[in-house]
Amino acid sequence: MTAQSVTGTPAHVQAPSSFGDSDANESCLHPFSAYHFGMAFERITVDPNRMGGVPCIRDLRVTVGMVLGQLAGGRTIEEMLADYPYLERADVLAALEYASVVVNEREVPVARPA
């Protein structure tokens, strides 16, 4: 089975719909990001056969949670890049942006008819 996006569709994770339509997203920057916001979601993959389906960086065996845990523990991005030379600065920023989107995502219960 190939890597899947968080939404379950093949290829990379698409930018959240709250940012507008995907065609417009191709040429703009996320207002709070130092890089094209589509890049963050291109770097996050989910593969049920890798790391138990947990979101990973670029289909590597490096989870978003591991990156966030290192940062929460006080590691700097530069220290992480020195410890994990196969990671790029954009990977760490992608993990942060992915986490911010997931934390802000919510389900709104739909009222059931009586």
C-alpha atoms as a PDB file:
ATOM      1  CA  MET A   1       0.000   0.000   0.000  1.00  0.00           C
ATOM      2  CA  THR A   2       1.308   3.480  -0.827  1.00  0.00           C
ATOM      3  CA  ALA A   3       1.548   6.483   1.450  1.00  0.00           C
ATOM      4  CA  GLN A   4      -1.760   8.216   1.944  1.00  0.00           C
ATOM      5  CA  SER A   5      -2.634  11.739   2.901  1.00  0.00           C
ATOM      6  CA  VAL A   6      -4.317  12.419   6.192  1.00  0.00           C
ATOM      7  CA  THR A   7      -7.660  12.606   4.428  1.00  0.00           C
ATOM      8  CA  GLY A   8      -7.095   9.188   2.873  1.00  0.00           C
ATOM      9  CA  THR A   9      -6.554  10.300  -0.694  1.00  0.00           C
ATOM     10  CA  PRO A  10      -3.370   9.234  -2.501  1.00  0.00           C
ATOM     11  CA  ALA A  11      -0.413  11.601  -2.883  1.00  0.00           C
ATOM     12  CA  HIS A  12       0.390  14.496  -0.604  1.00  0.00           C
ATOM     13  CA  VAL A  13      -1.881  16.054   1.983  1.00  0.00           C
ATOM     14  CA  GLN A  14      -3.742  18.963   0.479  1.00  0.00           C
ATOM     15  CA  ALA A  15      -3.819  22.404   2.062  1.00  0.00           C
ATOM     16  CA  PRO A  16      -6.821  22.774   4.358  1.00  0.00           C
ATOM     17  CA  SER A  17      -9.988  23.991   2.687  1.00  0.00           C
ATOM     18  CA  SER A  18     -10.144  26.897   5.126  1.00  0.00           C
ATOM     19  CA  PHE A  19      -7.341  28.538   3.131  1.00  0.00           C
ATOM     20  CA  GLY A  20      -9.501  28.774   0.025  1.00  0.00           C
ATOM     21  CA  ASP A  21      -9.542  26.808  -3.186  1.00  0.00           C
ATOM     22  CA  SER A  22      -6.503  24.721  -4.082  1.00  0.00           C
ATOM     23  CA  ASP A  23      -5.772  26.553  -7.361  1.00  0.00           C
ATOM     24  CA  ALA A  24      -5.365  29.835  -5.514  1.00  0.00           C
ATOM     25  CA  ASN A  25      -3.182  28.116  -2.913  1.00  0.00           C
ATOM     26  CA  GLU A  26      -0.542  27.131  -5.435  1.00  0.00           C
ATOM     27  CA  SER A  27       0.918  30.605  -5.674  1.00  0.00           C
ATOM     28  CA  CYS A  28       0.465  32.157  -2.244  1.00  0.00           C
ATOM     29  CA  LEU A  29       2.033  32.036   1.174  1.00  0.00           C
ATOM     30  CA  HIS A  30       0.226  31.137   4.355  1.00  0.00           C
ATOM     31  CA  PRO A  31       0.068  34.415   6.312  1.00  0.00           C
ATOM     32  CA  PHE A  32       1.867  32.947   9.347  1.00  0.00           C
ATOM     33  CA  SER A  33       4.340  30.737   7.514  1.00  0.00           C
ATOM     34  CA  ALA A  34       7.855  31.341   6.236  1.00  0.00           C
ATOM     35  CA  TYR A  35       7.244  29.104   3.225  1.00  0.00           C
ATOM     36  CA  HIS A  36       4.543  28.146   0.758  1.00  0.00           C
ATOM     37  CA  PHE A  37       1.850  26.561   2.949  1.00  0.00           C
ATOM     38  CA  GLY A  38       1.203  23.733   0.506  1.00  0.00           C
ATOM     39  CA  MET A  39       4.761  22.625   1.236  1.00  0.00           C
ATOM     40  CA  ALA A  40       3.879  21.681   4.818  1.00  0.00           C
ATOM     41  CA  PHE A  41       1.249  19.252   3.703  1.00  0.00           C
ATOM     42  CA  GLU A  42       3.374  17.791   0.928  1.00  0.00           C
ATOM     43  CA  ARG A  43       5.911  16.778   3.566  1.00  0.00           C
ATOM     44  CA  ILE A  44       3.442  14.974   5.862  1.00  0.00           C
ATOM     45  CA  THR A  45       2.493  11.424   4.880  1.00  0.00           C
ATOM     46  CA  VAL A  46       0.408   8.696   6.440  1.00  0.00           C
ATOM     47  CA  ASP A  47       1.041   5.076   5.499  1.00  0.00           C
ATOM     48  CA  PRO A  48      -0.802   2.344   7.428  1.00  0.00           C
ATOM     49  CA  ASN A  49       2.233   0.089   6.895  1.00  0.00           C
ATOM     50  CA  ARG A  50       4.730   2.574   8.314  1.00  0.00           C
ATOM     51  CA  MET A  51       4.846   3.605  11.958  1.00  0.00           C
ATOM     52  CA  GLY A  52       1.309   2.330  12.533  1.00  0.00           C
ATOM     53  CA  GLY A  53      -0.281   4.938  10.285  1.00  0.00           C
ATOM     54  CA  VAL A  54       0.975   7.850  12.393  1.00  0.00           C
ATOM     55  CA  PRO A  55       1.695  11.045  10.412  1.00  0.00           C
ATOM     56  CA  CYS A  56       5.353  11.040   9.330  1.00  0.00           C
ATOM     57  CA  ILE A  57       7.771  13.419   7.683  1.00  0.00           C
ATOM     58  CA  ARG A  58       8.262  12.685   3.960  1.00  0.00           C
ATOM     59  CA  ASP A  59       7.411   8.997   4.344  1.00  0.00           C
ATOM     60  CA  LEU A  60      10.442   8.553   6.619  1.00  0.00           C
ATOM     61  CA  ARG A  61      10.235   6.766   9.936  1.00  0.00           C
ATOM     62  CA  VAL A  62      10.198  10.113  11.694  1.00  0.00           C
ATOM     63  CA  THR A  63       6.816  10.983  13.134  1.00  0.00           C
ATOM     64  CA  VAL A  64       5.328  14.429  13.488  1.00  0.00           C
ATOM     65  CA  GLY A  65       4.901  13.641  17.195  1.00  0.00           C
ATOM     66  CA  MET A  66       8.606  12.873  17.565  1.00  0.00           C
ATOM     67  CA  VAL A  67       9.531  16.207  16.030  1.00  0.00           C
ATOM     68  CA  LEU A  68       7.051  18.049  18.247  1.00  0.00           C
ATOM     69  CA  GLY A  69       8.237  16.185  21.336  1.00  0.00           C
ATOM     70  CA  GLN A  70      11.835  17.177  20.647  1.00  0.00           C
ATOM     71  CA  LEU A  71      10.843  20.822  20.258  1.00  0.00           C
ATOM     72  CA  ALA A  72       8.654  20.698  23.379  1.00  0.00           C
ATOM     73  CA  GLY A  73      11.608  19.243  25.255  1.00  0.00           C
ATOM     74  CA  GLY A  74      13.659  22.342  24.480  1.00  0.00           C
ATOM     75  CA  ARG A  75      15.613  21.232  21.418  1.00  0.00           C
ATOM     76  CA  THR A  76      16.165  23.908  18.809  1.00  0.00           C
ATOM     77  CA  ILE A  77      15.547  23.327  15.133  1.00  0.00           C
ATOM     78  CA  GLU A  78      19.298  23.568  14.529  1.00  0.00           C
ATOM     79  CA  GLU A  79      19.978  20.875  17.158  1.00  0.00           C
ATOM     80  CA  MET A  80      17.370  18.609  15.583  1.00  0.00           C
ATOM     81  CA  LEU A  81      18.885  19.063  12.137  1.00  0.00           C
ATOM     82  CA  ALA A  82      22.317  18.176  13.518  1.00  0.00           C
ATOM     83  CA  ASP A  83      20.919  15.047  15.227  1.00  0.00           C
ATOM     84  CA  TYR A  84      18.811  13.988  12.236  1.00  0.00           C
ATOM     85  CA  PRO A  85      20.774  15.003   9.106  1.00  0.00           C
ATOM     86  CA  TYR A  86      18.124  13.565   6.783  1.00  0.00           C
ATOM     87  CA  LEU A  87      15.623  16.162   8.036  1.00  0.00           C
ATOM     88  CA  GLU A  88      15.377  19.637   6.581  1.00  0.00           C
ATOM     89  CA  ARG A  89      14.314  22.840   8.272  1.00  0.00           C
ATOM     90  CA  ALA A  90      11.133  22.810   6.180  1.00  0.00           C
ATOM     91  CA  ASP A  91      10.303  19.352   7.608  1.00  0.00           C
ATOM     92  CA  VAL A  92      10.333  20.702  11.161  1.00  0.00           C
ATOM     93  CA  LEU A  93       8.261  23.729  10.166  1.00  0.00           C
ATOM     94  CA  ALA A  94       5.844  21.414   8.335  1.00  0.00           C
ATOM     95  CA  ALA A  95       5.378  19.351  11.496  1.00  0.00           C
ATOM     96  CA  LEU A  96       4.565  22.505  13.457  1.00  0.00           C
ATOM     97  CA  GLU A  97       2.119  23.748  10.848  1.00  0.00           C
ATOM     98  CA  TYR A  98       0.481  20.322  10.555  1.00  0.00           C
ATOM     99  CA  ALA A  99       0.049  20.192  14.336  1.00  0.00           C
ATOM    100  CA  SER A 100      -1.510  23.651  14.412  1.00  0.00           C
ATOM    101  CA  VAL A 101      -4.055  22.649  11.778  1.00  0.00           C
ATOM    102  CA  VAL A 102      -4.898  19.361  13.514  1.00  0.00           C
ATOM    103  CA  VAL A 103      -5.311  21.047  16.909  1.00  0.00           C
ATOM    104  CA  ASN A 104      -7.659  23.631  15.441  1.00  0.00           C
ATOM    105  CA  GLU A 105      -9.694  21.052  13.557  1.00  0.00           C
ATOM    106  CA  ARG A 106     -12.976  20.167  15.179  1.00  0.00           C
ATOM    107  CA  GLU A 107     -16.007  18.092  14.503  1.00  0.00           C
ATOM    108  CA  VAL A 108     -19.364  19.744  14.750  1.00  0.00           C
ATOM    109  CA  PRO A 109     -22.085  17.313  15.789  1.00  0.00           C
ATOM    110  CA  VAL A 110     -25.023  17.216  13.457  1.00  0.00           C
ATOM    111  CA  ALA A 111     -28.376  17.245  15.164  1.00  0.00           C
ATOM    112  CA  ARG A 112     -30.294  14.063  14.528  1.00  0.00           C
ATOM    113  CA  PRO A 113     -33.923  14.370  13.456  1.00  0.00           C
ATOM    114  CA  ALA A 114     -36.386  13.600  16.228  1.00  0.00           C
END
